[in-house]
Amino acid sequence: MALQQFAPVAALLVISVLVALLILFISTIFGPHRPSARKLAPYESGMRPIGPAVRRLPVKFYLVAVLFILFDIEVIFFLPWAVIFRDLAVYGLITMGVFVFILTVGLVYEWKSGALEWE
């Protein structure tokens, strides 16, 4: 009985995957395939490339990206809480206060450790 409620979500998931696969298939069939040395060369503002096209990124970049994703996902938890805020009353306010406090402690720790400094 409970799984029937998720049938529209499953149908949407299946349709979106099929549309994505169809687009990929059509683009490989009808897309132009004329690679040349000039087209495969890396592009640097119309200049002849100097050095390798792939450069290593500093670990700091990945750390900032992971922190952004982490805090972005945690902020998503505010929406369900805001929808049922009146039903939760004081308990909901206290639990969200603890959640925001944990987020703040994590942010302050990252700030103090220098993870947010960009050099």
PDB file of N, CA and C in Angstrom:
ATOM      1  N   MET A   1       0.822  -1.198   0.000  1.00  0.00           N
ATOM      2  CA  MET A   1       0.000   0.000   0.000  1.00  0.00           C
ATOM      3  C   MET A   1       0.868   1.265   0.000  1.00  0.00           C
ATOM      4  N   ALA A   2       1.911   1.288   0.827  1.00  0.00           N
ATOM      5  CA  ALA A   2       2.739   2.479   0.935  1.00  0.00           C
ATOM      6  C   ALA A   2       3.590   2.692  -0.306  1.00  0.00           C
ATOM      7  N   LEU A   3       3.955   1.614  -0.988  1.00  0.00           N
ATOM      8  CA  LEU A   3       4.779   1.754  -2.185  1.00  0.00           C
ATOM      9  C   LEU A   3       4.012   2.367  -3.353  1.00  0.00           C
ATOM     10  N   GLN A   4       2.691   2.259  -3.339  1.00  0.00           N
ATOM     11  CA  GLN A   4       1.887   2.845  -4.412  1.00  0.00           C
ATOM     12  C   GLN A   4       1.972   4.369  -4.405  1.00  0.00           C
ATOM     13  N   GLN A   5       2.281   4.952  -3.274  1.00  0.00           N
ATOM     14  CA  GLN A   5       2.408   6.399  -3.191  1.00  0.00           C
ATOM     15  C   GLN A   5       3.643   6.893  -3.937  1.00  0.00           C
ATOM     16  N   PHE A   6       4.635   6.026  -4.091  1.00  0.00           N
ATOM     17  CA  PHE A   6       5.869   6.411  -4.759  1.00  0.00           C
ATOM     18  C   PHE A   6       5.868   6.060  -6.245  1.00  0.00           C
ATOM     19  N   ALA A   7       4.766   5.571  -6.755  1.00  0.00           N
ATOM     20  CA  ALA A   7       4.682   5.216  -8.176  1.00  0.00           C
ATOM     21  C   ALA A   7       4.921   6.424  -9.082  1.00  0.00           C
ATOM     22  N   PRO A   8       4.363   7.602  -8.817  1.00  0.00           N
ATOM     23  CA  PRO A   8       4.667   8.756  -9.681  1.00  0.00           C
ATOM     24  C   PRO A   8       6.151   9.143  -9.654  1.00  0.00           C
ATOM     25  N   VAL A   9       6.787   9.020  -8.505  1.00  0.00           N
ATOM     26  CA  VAL A   9       8.208   9.343  -8.413  1.00  0.00           C
ATOM     27  C   VAL A   9       9.026   8.343  -9.230  1.00  0.00           C
ATOM     28  N   ALA A  10       8.674   7.064  -9.119  1.00  0.00           N
ATOM     29  CA  ALA A  10       9.378   6.042  -9.888  1.00  0.00           C
ATOM     30  C   ALA A  10       9.158   6.236 -11.388  1.00  0.00           C
ATOM     31  N   ALA A  11       7.931   6.593 -11.769  1.00  0.00           N
ATOM     32  CA  ALA A  11       7.648   6.838 -13.186  1.00  0.00           C
ATOM     33  C   ALA A  11       8.442   8.034 -13.696  1.00  0.00           C
ATOM     34  N   LEU A  12       8.526   9.087 -12.913  1.00  0.00           N
ATOM     35  CA  LEU A  12       9.300  10.264 -13.300  1.00  0.00           C
ATOM     36  C   LEU A  12      10.785   9.928 -13.428  1.00  0.00           C
ATOM     37  N   LEU A  13      11.292   9.118 -12.519  1.00  0.00           N
ATOM     38  CA  LEU A  13      12.696   8.699 -12.571  1.00  0.00           C
ATOM     39  C   LEU A  13      12.975   7.883 -13.831  1.00  0.00           C
ATOM     40  N   VAL A  14      12.095   6.944 -14.137  1.00  0.00           N
ATOM     41  CA  VAL A  14      12.276   6.116 -15.330  1.00  0.00           C
ATOM     42  C   VAL A  14      12.191   6.964 -16.597  1.00  0.00           C
ATOM     43  N   ILE A  15      11.229   7.861 -16.656  1.00  0.00           N
ATOM     44  CA  ILE A  15      11.080   8.713 -17.840  1.00  0.00           C
ATOM     45  C   ILE A  15      12.285   9.624 -18.012  1.00  0.00           C
ATOM     46  N   SER A  16      12.797  10.196 -16.919  1.00  0.00           N
ATOM     47  CA  SER A  16      13.950  11.094 -17.039  1.00  0.00           C
ATOM     48  C   SER A  16      15.202  10.344 -17.473  1.00  0.00           C
ATOM     49  N   VAL A  17      15.408   9.135 -16.982  1.00  0.00           N
ATOM     50  CA  VAL A  17      16.561   8.338 -17.420  1.00  0.00           C
ATOM     51  C   VAL A  17      16.419   7.970 -18.893  1.00  0.00           C
ATOM     52  N   LEU A  18      15.226   7.589 -19.313  1.00  0.00           N
ATOM     53  CA  LEU A  18      15.012   7.237 -20.724  1.00  0.00           C
ATOM     54  C   LEU A  18      15.223   8.438 -21.643  1.00  0.00           C
ATOM     55  N   VAL A  19      14.761   9.612 -21.233  1.00  0.00           N
ATOM     56  CA  VAL A  19      14.955  10.811 -22.054  1.00  0.00           C
ATOM     57  C   VAL A  19      16.439  11.152 -22.149  1.00  0.00           C
ATOM     58  N   ALA A  20      17.166  11.035 -21.045  1.00  0.00           N
ATOM     59  CA  ALA A  20      18.606  11.317 -21.064  1.00  0.00           C
ATOM     60  C   ALA A  20      19.334  10.336 -21.985  1.00  0.00           C
ATOM     61  N   LEU A  21      19.001   9.067 -21.898  1.00  0.00           N
ATOM     62  CA  LEU A  21      19.628   8.068 -22.777  1.00  0.00           C
ATOM     63  C   LEU A  21      19.261   8.302 -24.236  1.00  0.00           C
ATOM     64  N   LEU A  22      18.014   8.694 -24.490  1.00  0.00           N
ATOM     65  CA  LEU A  22      17.586   8.979 -25.857  1.00  0.00           C
ATOM     66  C   LEU A  22      18.355  10.166 -26.433  1.00  0.00           C
ATOM     67  N   ILE A  23      18.535  11.205 -25.649  1.00  0.00           N
ATOM     68  CA  ILE A  23      19.285  12.377 -26.112  1.00  0.00           C
ATOM     69  C   ILE A  23      20.731  12.001 -26.418  1.00  0.00           C
ATOM     70  N   LEU A  24      21.360  11.209 -25.553  1.00  0.00           N
ATOM     71  CA  LEU A  24      22.730  10.769 -25.803  1.00  0.00           C
ATOM     72  C   LEU A  24      22.817   9.920 -27.066  1.00  0.00           C
ATOM     73  N   PHE A  25      21.867   9.032 -27.255  1.00  0.00           N
ATOM     74  CA  PHE A  25      21.866   8.160 -28.426  1.00  0.00           C
ATOM     75  C   PHE A  25      21.681   8.966 -29.715  1.00  0.00           C
ATOM     76  N   ILE A  26      20.748   9.894 -29.701  1.00  0.00           N
ATOM     77  CA  ILE A  26      20.494  10.708 -30.897  1.00  0.00           C
ATOM     78  C   ILE A  26      21.699  11.596 -31.211  1.00  0.00           C
ATOM     79  N   SER A  27      22.347  12.143 -30.188  1.00  0.00           N
ATOM     80  CA  SER A  27      23.493  13.005 -30.452  1.00  0.00           C
ATOM     81  C   SER A  27      24.684  12.223 -31.002  1.00  0.00           C
ATOM     82  N   THR A  28      24.853  10.976 -30.587  1.00  0.00           N
ATOM     83  CA  THR A  28      25.946  10.184 -31.154  1.00  0.00           C
ATOM     84  C   THR A  28      25.645   9.741 -32.574  1.00  0.00           C
ATOM     85  N   ILE A  29      24.385   9.519 -32.892  1.00  0.00           N
ATOM     86  CA  ILE A  29      24.019   9.090 -34.251  1.00  0.00           C
ATOM     87  C   ILE A  29      24.111  10.261 -35.227  1.00  0.00           C
ATOM     88  N   PHE A  30      23.512  11.391 -34.879  1.00  0.00           N
ATOM     89  CA  PHE A  30      23.402  12.505 -35.821  1.00  0.00           C
ATOM     90  C   PHE A  30      24.450  13.596 -35.634  1.00  0.00           C
ATOM     91  N   GLY A  31      25.260  13.528 -34.596  1.00  0.00           N
ATOM     92  CA  GLY A  31      26.252  14.563 -34.341  1.00  0.00           C
ATOM     93  C   GLY A  31      27.437  14.461 -35.284  1.00  0.00           C
ATOM     94  N   PRO A  32      28.123  15.580 -35.525  1.00  0.00           N
ATOM     95  CA  PRO A  32      29.285  15.547 -36.421  1.00  0.00           C
ATOM     96  C   PRO A  32      30.465  14.841 -35.755  1.00  0.00           C
ATOM     97  N   HIS A  33      31.168  14.049 -36.560  1.00  0.00           N
ATOM     98  CA  HIS A  33      32.338  13.312 -36.079  1.00  0.00           C
ATOM     99  C   HIS A  33      33.488  13.545 -37.046  1.00  0.00           C
ATOM    100  N   ARG A  34      34.102  14.702 -36.972  1.00  0.00           N
ATOM    101  CA  ARG A  34      35.248  15.014 -37.830  1.00  0.00           C
ATOM    102  C   ARG A  34      36.394  15.537 -36.978  1.00  0.00           C
ATOM    103  N   PRO A  35      36.986  14.680 -36.150  1.00  0.00           N
ATOM    104  CA  PRO A  35      38.082  15.177 -35.313  1.00  0.00           C
ATOM    105  C   PRO A  35      39.337  15.443 -36.138  1.00  0.00           C
ATOM    106  N   SER A  36      40.044  16.475 -35.762  1.00  0.00           N
ATOM    107  CA  SER A  36      41.320  16.794 -36.392  1.00  0.00           C
ATOM    108  C   SER A  36      42.298  17.191 -35.280  1.00  0.00           C
ATOM    109  N   ALA A  37      43.558  17.304 -35.647  1.00  0.00           N
ATOM    110  CA  ALA A  37      44.566  17.672 -34.643  1.00  0.00           C
ATOM    111  C   ALA A  37      44.277  19.053 -34.077  1.00  0.00           C
ATOM    112  N   ARG A  38      43.810  19.959 -34.912  1.00  0.00           N
ATOM    113  CA  ARG A  38      43.508  21.316 -34.446  1.00  0.00           C
ATOM    114  C   ARG A  38      42.304  21.328 -33.504  1.00  0.00           C
ATOM    115  N   LYS A  39      41.275  20.522 -33.811  1.00  0.00           N
ATOM    116  CA  LYS A  39      40.099  20.473 -32.943  1.00  0.00           C
ATOM    117  C   LYS A  39      40.393  19.785 -31.617  1.00  0.00           C
ATOM    118  N   LEU A  40      41.294  18.827 -31.613  1.00  0.00           N
ATOM    119  CA  LEU A  40      41.607  18.096 -30.386  1.00  0.00           C
ATOM    120  C   LEU A  40      42.642  18.808 -29.520  1.00  0.00           C
ATOM    121  N   ALA A  41      43.251  19.859 -30.034  1.00  0.00           N
ATOM    122  CA  ALA A  41      44.253  20.597 -29.267  1.00  0.00           C
ATOM    123  C   ALA A  41      43.578  21.439 -28.191  1.00  0.00           C
ATOM    124  N   PRO A  42      44.205  21.604 -27.031  1.00  0.00           N
ATOM    125  CA  PRO A  42      43.628  22.459 -25.997  1.00  0.00           C
ATOM    126  C   PRO A  42      43.593  23.914 -26.448  1.00  0.00           C
ATOM    127  N   TYR A  43      42.579  24.626 -26.007  1.00  0.00           N
ATOM    128  CA  TYR A  43      42.386  26.014 -26.424  1.00  0.00           C
ATOM    129  C   TYR A  43      42.744  26.948 -25.281  1.00  0.00           C
ATOM    130  N   GLU A  44      43.630  27.891 -25.539  1.00  0.00           N
ATOM    131  CA  GLU A  44      44.002  28.877 -24.530  1.00  0.00           C
ATOM    132  C   GLU A  44      43.911  30.279 -25.122  1.00  0.00           C
ATOM    133  N   SER A  45      42.726  30.811 -25.236  1.00  0.00           N
ATOM    134  CA  SER A  45      42.483  32.185 -25.680  1.00  0.00           C
ATOM    135  C   SER A  45      43.119  32.484 -27.035  1.00  0.00           C
ATOM    136  N   GLY A  46      43.084  31.557 -27.931  1.00  0.00           N
ATOM    137  CA  GLY A  46      43.608  31.772 -29.266  1.00  0.00           C
ATOM    138  C   GLY A  46      45.117  31.681 -29.366  1.00  0.00           C
ATOM    139  N   MET A  47      45.789  31.408 -28.266  1.00  0.00           N
ATOM    140  CA  MET A  47      47.248  31.311 -28.259  1.00  0.00           C
ATOM    141  C   MET A  47      47.649  29.836 -28.380  1.00  0.00           C
ATOM    142  N   ARG A  48      48.859  29.628 -28.805  1.00  0.00           N
ATOM    143  CA  ARG A  48      49.394  28.284 -28.837  1.00  0.00           C
ATOM    144  C   ARG A  48      49.598  27.821 -27.387  1.00  0.00           C
ATOM    145  N   PRO A  49      49.108  26.628 -27.024  1.00  0.00           N
ATOM    146  CA  PRO A  49      49.205  26.206 -25.626  1.00  0.00           C
ATOM    147  C   PRO A  49      50.654  26.030 -25.171  1.00  0.00           C
ATOM    148  N   ILE A  50      50.893  26.436 -23.936  1.00  0.00           N
ATOM    149  CA  ILE A  50      52.212  26.293 -23.321  1.00  0.00           C
ATOM    150  C   ILE A  50      52.063  25.330 -22.150  1.00  0.00           C
ATOM    151  N   GLY A  51      52.767  24.255 -22.165  1.00  0.00           N
ATOM    152  CA  GLY A  51      52.701  23.280 -21.078  1.00  0.00           C
ATOM    153  C   GLY A  51      51.530  22.332 -21.244  1.00  0.00           C
ATOM    154  N   PRO A  52      51.304  21.488 -20.260  1.00  0.00           N
ATOM    155  CA  PRO A  52      50.226  20.502 -20.352  1.00  0.00           C
ATOM    156  C   PRO A  52      48.847  21.155 -20.218  1.00  0.00           C
ATOM    157  N   ALA A  53      47.867  20.538 -20.836  1.00  0.00           N
ATOM    158  CA  ALA A  53      46.509  21.075 -20.772  1.00  0.00           C
ATOM    159  C   ALA A  53      45.855  20.769 -19.430  1.00  0.00           C
ATOM    160  N   VAL A  54      46.262  19.690 -18.803  1.00  0.00           N
ATOM    161  CA  VAL A  54      45.686  19.300 -17.520  1.00  0.00           C
ATOM    162  C   VAL A  54      46.658  19.715 -16.417  1.00  0.00           C
ATOM    163  N   ARG A  55      46.157  20.523 -15.511  1.00  0.00           N
ATOM    164  CA  ARG A  55      46.986  20.979 -14.409  1.00  0.00           C
ATOM    165  C   ARG A  55      46.394  20.464 -13.107  1.00  0.00           C
ATOM    166  N   ARG A  56      47.246  20.202 -12.165  1.00  0.00           N
ATOM    167  CA  ARG A  56      46.792  19.713 -10.866  1.00  0.00           C
ATOM    168  C   ARG A  56      46.196  20.874 -10.074  1.00  0.00           C
ATOM    169  N   LEU A  57      45.069  20.608  -9.453  1.00  0.00           N
ATOM    170  CA  LEU A  57      44.439  21.618  -8.613  1.00  0.00           C
ATOM    171  C   LEU A  57      44.885  21.416  -7.176  1.00  0.00           C
ATOM    172  N   PRO A  58      45.028  22.483  -6.432  1.00  0.00           N
ATOM    173  CA  PRO A  58      45.420  22.318  -5.036  1.00  0.00           C
ATOM    174  C   PRO A  58      44.337  21.623  -4.219  1.00  0.00           C
ATOM    175  N   VAL A  59      44.756  20.954  -3.164  1.00  0.00           N
ATOM    176  CA  VAL A  59      43.824  20.237  -2.302  1.00  0.00           C
ATOM    177  C   VAL A  59      42.847  21.206  -1.652  1.00  0.00           C
ATOM    178  N   LYS A  60      43.269  22.436  -1.454  1.00  0.00           N
ATOM    179  CA  LYS A  60      42.422  23.454  -0.834  1.00  0.00           C
ATOM    180  C   LYS A  60      41.126  23.648  -1.639  1.00  0.00           C
ATOM    181  N   PHE A  61      41.225  23.548  -2.975  1.00  0.00           N
ATOM    182  CA  PHE A  61      40.038  23.692  -3.817  1.00  0.00           C
ATOM    183  C   PHE A  61      39.028  22.595  -3.506  1.00  0.00           C
ATOM    184  N   TYR A  62      39.500  21.367  -3.398  1.00  0.00           N
ATOM    185  CA  TYR A  62      38.599  20.254  -3.105  1.00  0.00           C
ATOM    186  C   TYR A  62      38.004  20.377  -1.712  1.00  0.00           C
ATOM    187  N   LEU A  63      38.784  20.871  -0.757  1.00  0.00           N
ATOM    188  CA  LEU A  63      38.280  21.052   0.596  1.00  0.00           C
ATOM    189  C   LEU A  63      37.149  22.075   0.630  1.00  0.00           C
ATOM    190  N   VAL A  64      37.319  23.184  -0.065  1.00  0.00           N
ATOM    191  CA  VAL A  64      36.269  24.198  -0.117  1.00  0.00           C
ATOM    192  C   VAL A  64      35.028  23.644  -0.824  1.00  0.00           C
ATOM    193  N   ALA A  65      35.231  22.862  -1.889  1.00  0.00           N
ATOM    194  CA  ALA A  65      34.096  22.279  -2.613  1.00  0.00           C
ATOM    195  C   ALA A  65      33.328  21.308  -1.729  1.00  0.00           C
ATOM    196  N   VAL A  66      34.035  20.467  -0.988  1.00  0.00           N
ATOM    197  CA  VAL A  66      33.370  19.514  -0.094  1.00  0.00           C
ATOM    198  C   VAL A  66      32.637  20.249   1.018  1.00  0.00           C
ATOM    199  N   LEU A  67      33.250  21.302   1.560  1.00  0.00           N
ATOM    200  CA  LEU A  67      32.573  22.074   2.600  1.00  0.00           C
ATOM    201  C   LEU A  67      31.315  22.740   2.069  1.00  0.00           C
ATOM    202  N   PHE A  68      31.385  23.254   0.845  1.00  0.00           N
ATOM    203  CA  PHE A  68      30.195  23.874   0.254  1.00  0.00           C
ATOM    204  C   PHE A  68      29.076  22.849   0.115  1.00  0.00           C
ATOM    205  N   ILE A  69      29.405  21.679  -0.407  1.00  0.00           N
ATOM    206  CA  ILE A  69      28.383  20.631  -0.576  1.00  0.00           C
ATOM    207  C   ILE A  69      27.825  20.215   0.781  1.00  0.00           C
ATOM    208  N   LEU A  70      28.699  20.056   1.761  1.00  0.00           N
ATOM    209  CA  LEU A  70      28.264  19.639   3.092  1.00  0.00           C
ATOM    210  C   LEU A  70      27.284  20.640   3.696  1.00  0.00           C
ATOM    211  N   PHE A  71      27.644  21.920   3.702  1.00  0.00           N
ATOM    212  CA  PHE A  71      26.761  22.923   4.299  1.00  0.00           C
ATOM    213  C   PHE A  71      25.516  23.151   3.441  1.00  0.00           C
ATOM    214  N   ASP A  72      25.624  22.989   2.139  1.00  0.00           N
ATOM    215  CA  ASP A  72      24.471  23.139   1.263  1.00  0.00           C
ATOM    216  C   ASP A  72      23.447  22.040   1.530  1.00  0.00           C
ATOM    217  N   ILE A  73      23.913  20.823   1.686  1.00  0.00           N
ATOM    218  CA  ILE A  73      23.002  19.706   1.959  1.00  0.00           C
ATOM    219  C   ILE A  73      22.374  19.857   3.344  1.00  0.00           C
ATOM    220  N   GLU A  74      23.142  20.332   4.298  1.00  0.00           N
ATOM    221  CA  GLU A  74      22.580  20.501   5.640  1.00  0.00           C
ATOM    222  C   GLU A  74      21.510  21.585   5.672  1.00  0.00           C
ATOM    223  N   VAL A  75      21.652  22.595   4.852  1.00  0.00           N
ATOM    224  CA  VAL A  75      20.640  23.660   4.810  1.00  0.00           C
ATOM    225  C   VAL A  75      19.324  23.137   4.232  1.00  0.00           C
ATOM    226  N   ILE A  76      19.391  22.102   3.416  1.00  0.00           N
ATOM    227  CA  ILE A  76      18.165  21.521   2.847  1.00  0.00           C
ATOM    228  C   ILE A  76      17.248  21.002   3.950  1.00  0.00           C
ATOM    229  N   PHE A  77      17.804  20.624   5.084  1.00  0.00           N
ATOM    230  CA  PHE A  77      16.989  20.119   6.188  1.00  0.00           C
ATOM    231  C   PHE A  77      16.108  21.196   6.804  1.00  0.00           C
ATOM    232  N   PHE A  78      16.328  22.447   6.480  1.00  0.00           N
ATOM    233  CA  PHE A  78      15.487  23.514   7.010  1.00  0.00           C
ATOM    234  C   PHE A  78      14.088  23.510   6.396  1.00  0.00           C
ATOM    235  N   LEU A  79      13.950  23.081   5.161  1.00  0.00           N
ATOM    236  CA  LEU A  79      12.643  23.126   4.498  1.00  0.00           C
ATOM    237  C   LEU A  79      11.607  22.218   5.171  1.00  0.00           C
ATOM    238  N   PRO A  80      11.879  20.932   5.390  1.00  0.00           N
ATOM    239  CA  PRO A  80      10.856  20.118   6.067  1.00  0.00           C
ATOM    240  C   PRO A  80      10.533  20.635   7.460  1.00  0.00           C
ATOM    241  N   TRP A  81      11.545  21.149   8.140  1.00  0.00           N
ATOM    242  CA  TRP A  81      11.314  21.703   9.470  1.00  0.00           C
ATOM    243  C   TRP A  81      10.397  22.917   9.387  1.00  0.00           C
ATOM    244  N   ALA A  82      10.596  23.780   8.400  1.00  0.00           N
ATOM    245  CA  ALA A  82       9.776  24.978   8.264  1.00  0.00           C
ATOM    246  C   ALA A  82       8.339  24.625   7.895  1.00  0.00           C
ATOM    247  N   VAL A  83       8.157  23.527   7.154  1.00  0.00           N
ATOM    248  CA  VAL A  83       6.799  23.144   6.746  1.00  0.00           C
ATOM    249  C   VAL A  83       5.985  22.670   7.939  1.00  0.00           C
ATOM    250  N   ILE A  84       6.595  21.916   8.847  1.00  0.00           N
ATOM    251  CA  ILE A  84       5.837  21.382   9.990  1.00  0.00           C
ATOM    252  C   ILE A  84       6.227  22.066  11.301  1.00  0.00           C
ATOM    253  N   PHE A  85       6.702  23.290  11.213  1.00  0.00           N
ATOM    254  CA  PHE A  85       7.161  24.010  12.397  1.00  0.00           C
ATOM    255  C   PHE A  85       6.072  24.158  13.452  1.00  0.00           C
ATOM    256  N   ARG A  86       4.874  24.499  13.045  1.00  0.00           N
ATOM    257  CA  ARG A  86       3.785  24.724  14.014  1.00  0.00           C
ATOM    258  C   ARG A  86       3.393  23.434  14.745  1.00  0.00           C
ATOM    259  N   ASP A  87       3.491  22.305  14.055  1.00  0.00           N
ATOM    260  CA  ASP A  87       3.137  21.034  14.697  1.00  0.00           C
ATOM    261  C   ASP A  87       4.193  20.598  15.716  1.00  0.00           C
ATOM    262  N   LEU A  88       5.429  20.969  15.509  1.00  0.00           N
ATOM    263  CA  LEU A  88       6.507  20.548  16.409  1.00  0.00           C
ATOM    264  C   LEU A  88       6.592  21.395  17.676  1.00  0.00           C
ATOM    265  N   ALA A  89       6.141  22.618  17.587  1.00  0.00           N
ATOM    266  CA  ALA A  89       6.119  23.557  18.722  1.00  0.00           C
ATOM    267  C   ALA A  89       7.507  23.749  19.317  1.00  0.00           C
ATOM    268  N   VAL A  90       7.618  23.699  20.639  1.00  0.00           N
ATOM    269  CA  VAL A  90       8.874  23.996  21.327  1.00  0.00           C
ATOM    270  C   VAL A  90       9.913  22.908  21.044  1.00  0.00           C
ATOM    271  N   TYR A  91       9.483  21.657  20.949  1.00  0.00           N
ATOM    272  CA  TYR A  91      10.417  20.559  20.657  1.00  0.00           C
ATOM    273  C   TYR A  91      11.123  20.794  19.329  1.00  0.00           C
ATOM    274  N   GLY A  92      10.380  21.193  18.307  1.00  0.00           N
ATOM    275  CA  GLY A  92      10.979  21.472  17.000  1.00  0.00           C
ATOM    276  C   GLY A  92      11.940  22.638  17.049  1.00  0.00           C
ATOM    277  N   LEU A  93      11.612  23.643  17.833  1.00  0.00           N
ATOM    278  CA  LEU A  93      12.499  24.798  17.974  1.00  0.00           C
ATOM    279  C   LEU A  93      13.808  24.410  18.667  1.00  0.00           C
ATOM    280  N   ILE A  94      13.715  23.569  19.682  1.00  0.00           N
ATOM    281  CA  ILE A  94      14.915  23.142  20.404  1.00  0.00           C
ATOM    282  C   ILE A  94      15.786  22.257  19.517  1.00  0.00           C
ATOM    283  N   THR A  95      15.179  21.310  18.818  1.00  0.00           N
ATOM    284  CA  THR A  95      15.981  20.420  17.964  1.00  0.00           C
ATOM    285  C   THR A  95      16.640  21.195  16.828  1.00  0.00           C
ATOM    286  N   MET A  96      15.947  22.147  16.246  1.00  0.00           N
ATOM    287  CA  MET A  96      16.567  22.940  15.181  1.00  0.00           C
ATOM    288  C   MET A  96      17.637  23.866  15.754  1.00  0.00           C
ATOM    289  N   GLY A  97      17.429  24.333  16.973  1.00  0.00           N
ATOM    290  CA  GLY A  97      18.462  25.126  17.623  1.00  0.00           C
ATOM    291  C   GLY A  97      19.736  24.313  17.844  1.00  0.00           C
ATOM    292  N   VAL A  98      19.593  23.053  18.258  1.00  0.00           N
ATOM    293  CA  VAL A  98      20.758  22.173  18.411  1.00  0.00           C
ATOM    294  C   VAL A  98      21.417  21.940  17.059  1.00  0.00           C
ATOM    295  N   PHE A  99      20.613  21.721  16.026  1.00  0.00           N
ATOM    296  CA  PHE A  99      21.142  21.490  14.674  1.00  0.00           C
ATOM    297  C   PHE A  99      21.923  22.714  14.182  1.00  0.00           C
ATOM    298  N   VAL A 100      21.358  23.897  14.363  1.00  0.00           N
ATOM    299  CA  VAL A 100      22.038  25.128  13.935  1.00  0.00           C
ATOM    300  C   VAL A 100      23.304  25.350  14.768  1.00  0.00           C
ATOM    301  N   PHE A 101      23.267  25.001  16.048  1.00  0.00           N
ATOM    302  CA  PHE A 101      24.455  25.134  16.893  1.00  0.00           C
ATOM    303  C   PHE A 101      25.572  24.222  16.397  1.00  0.00           C
ATOM    304  N   ILE A 102      25.240  22.982  16.037  1.00  0.00           N
ATOM    305  CA  ILE A 102      26.248  22.046  15.511  1.00  0.00           C
ATOM    306  C   ILE A 102      26.808  22.574  14.197  1.00  0.00           C
ATOM    307  N   LEU A 103      25.948  23.103  13.331  1.00  0.00           N
ATOM    308  CA  LEU A 103      26.423  23.701  12.079  1.00  0.00           C
ATOM    309  C   LEU A 103      27.356  24.876  12.350  1.00  0.00           C
ATOM    310  N   THR A 104      27.002  25.705  13.322  1.00  0.00           N
ATOM    311  CA  THR A 104      27.818  26.867  13.644  1.00  0.00           C
ATOM    312  C   THR A 104      29.167  26.449  14.207  1.00  0.00           C
ATOM    313  N   VAL A 105      29.183  25.435  15.066  1.00  0.00           N
ATOM    314  CA  VAL A 105      30.452  24.945  15.617  1.00  0.00           C
ATOM    315  C   VAL A 105      31.337  24.415  14.491  1.00  0.00           C
ATOM    316  N   GLY A 106      30.747  23.676  13.549  1.00  0.00           N
ATOM    317  CA  GLY A 106      31.518  23.171  12.408  1.00  0.00           C
ATOM    318  C   GLY A 106      32.066  24.296  11.549  1.00  0.00           C
ATOM    319  N   LEU A 107      31.264  25.312  11.317  1.00  0.00           N
ATOM    320  CA  LEU A 107      31.708  26.442  10.506  1.00  0.00           C
ATOM    321  C   LEU A 107      32.820  27.223  11.203  1.00  0.00           C
ATOM    322  N   VAL A 108      32.675  27.444  12.501  1.00  0.00           N
ATOM    323  CA  VAL A 108      33.710  28.158  13.249  1.00  0.00           C
ATOM    324  C   VAL A 108      35.002  27.347  13.254  1.00  0.00           C
ATOM    325  N   TYR A 109      34.903  26.032  13.414  1.00  0.00           N
ATOM    326  CA  TYR A 109      36.096  25.183  13.384  1.00  0.00           C
ATOM    327  C   TYR A 109      36.806  25.295  12.036  1.00  0.00           C
ATOM    328  N   GLU A 110      36.041  25.217  10.952  1.00  0.00           N
ATOM    329  CA  GLU A 110      36.635  25.318   9.615  1.00  0.00           C
ATOM    330  C   GLU A 110      37.243  26.705   9.403  1.00  0.00           C
ATOM    331  N   TRP A 111      36.591  27.722   9.909  1.00  0.00           N
ATOM    332  CA  TRP A 111      37.101  29.089   9.775  1.00  0.00           C
ATOM    333  C   TRP A 111      38.413  29.259  10.533  1.00  0.00           C
ATOM    334  N   LYS A 112      38.433  28.765  11.783  1.00  0.00           N
ATOM    335  CA  LYS A 112      39.627  28.901  12.615  1.00  0.00           C
ATOM    336  C   LYS A 112      40.788  28.046  12.095  1.00  0.00           C
ATOM    337  N   SER A 113      40.490  26.892  11.481  1.00  0.00           N
ATOM    338  CA  SER A 113      41.566  26.024  10.973  1.00  0.00           C
ATOM    339  C   SER A 113      42.129  26.528   9.655  1.00  0.00           C
ATOM    340  N   GLY A 114      41.496  27.548   9.078  1.00  0.00           N
ATOM    341  CA  GLY A 114      42.009  28.158   7.848  1.00  0.00           C
ATOM    342  C   GLY A 114      41.546  27.469   6.576  1.00  0.00           C
ATOM    343  N   ALA A 115      40.524  26.623   6.675  1.00  0.00           N
ATOM    344  CA  ALA A 115      40.050  25.901   5.494  1.00  0.00           C
ATOM    345  C   ALA A 115      39.339  26.825   4.514  1.00  0.00           C
ATOM    346  N   LEU A 116      38.858  27.956   4.978  1.00  0.00           N
ATOM    347  CA  LEU A 116      38.135  28.869   4.104  1.00  0.00           C
ATOM    348  C   LEU A 116      39.032  29.958   3.527  1.00  0.00           C
ATOM    349  N   GLU A 117      40.289  29.959   3.856  1.00  0.00           N
ATOM    350  CA  GLU A 117      41.230  30.947   3.326  1.00  0.00           C
ATOM    351  C   GLU A 117      41.672  30.522   1.927  1.00  0.00           C
ATOM    352  N   TRP A 118      41.576  31.416   0.995  1.00  0.00           N
ATOM    353  CA  TRP A 118      41.972  31.132  -0.380  1.00  0.00           C
ATOM    354  C   TRP A 118      43.247  31.892  -0.677  1.00  0.00           C
ATOM    355  N   GLU A 119      44.280  31.174  -1.105  1.00  0.00           N
ATOM    356  CA  GLU A 119      45.575  31.806  -1.347  1.00  0.00           C
ATOM    357  C   GLU A 119      45.801  32.041  -2.810  1.00  0.00           C
TER     358      GLU A 119
END
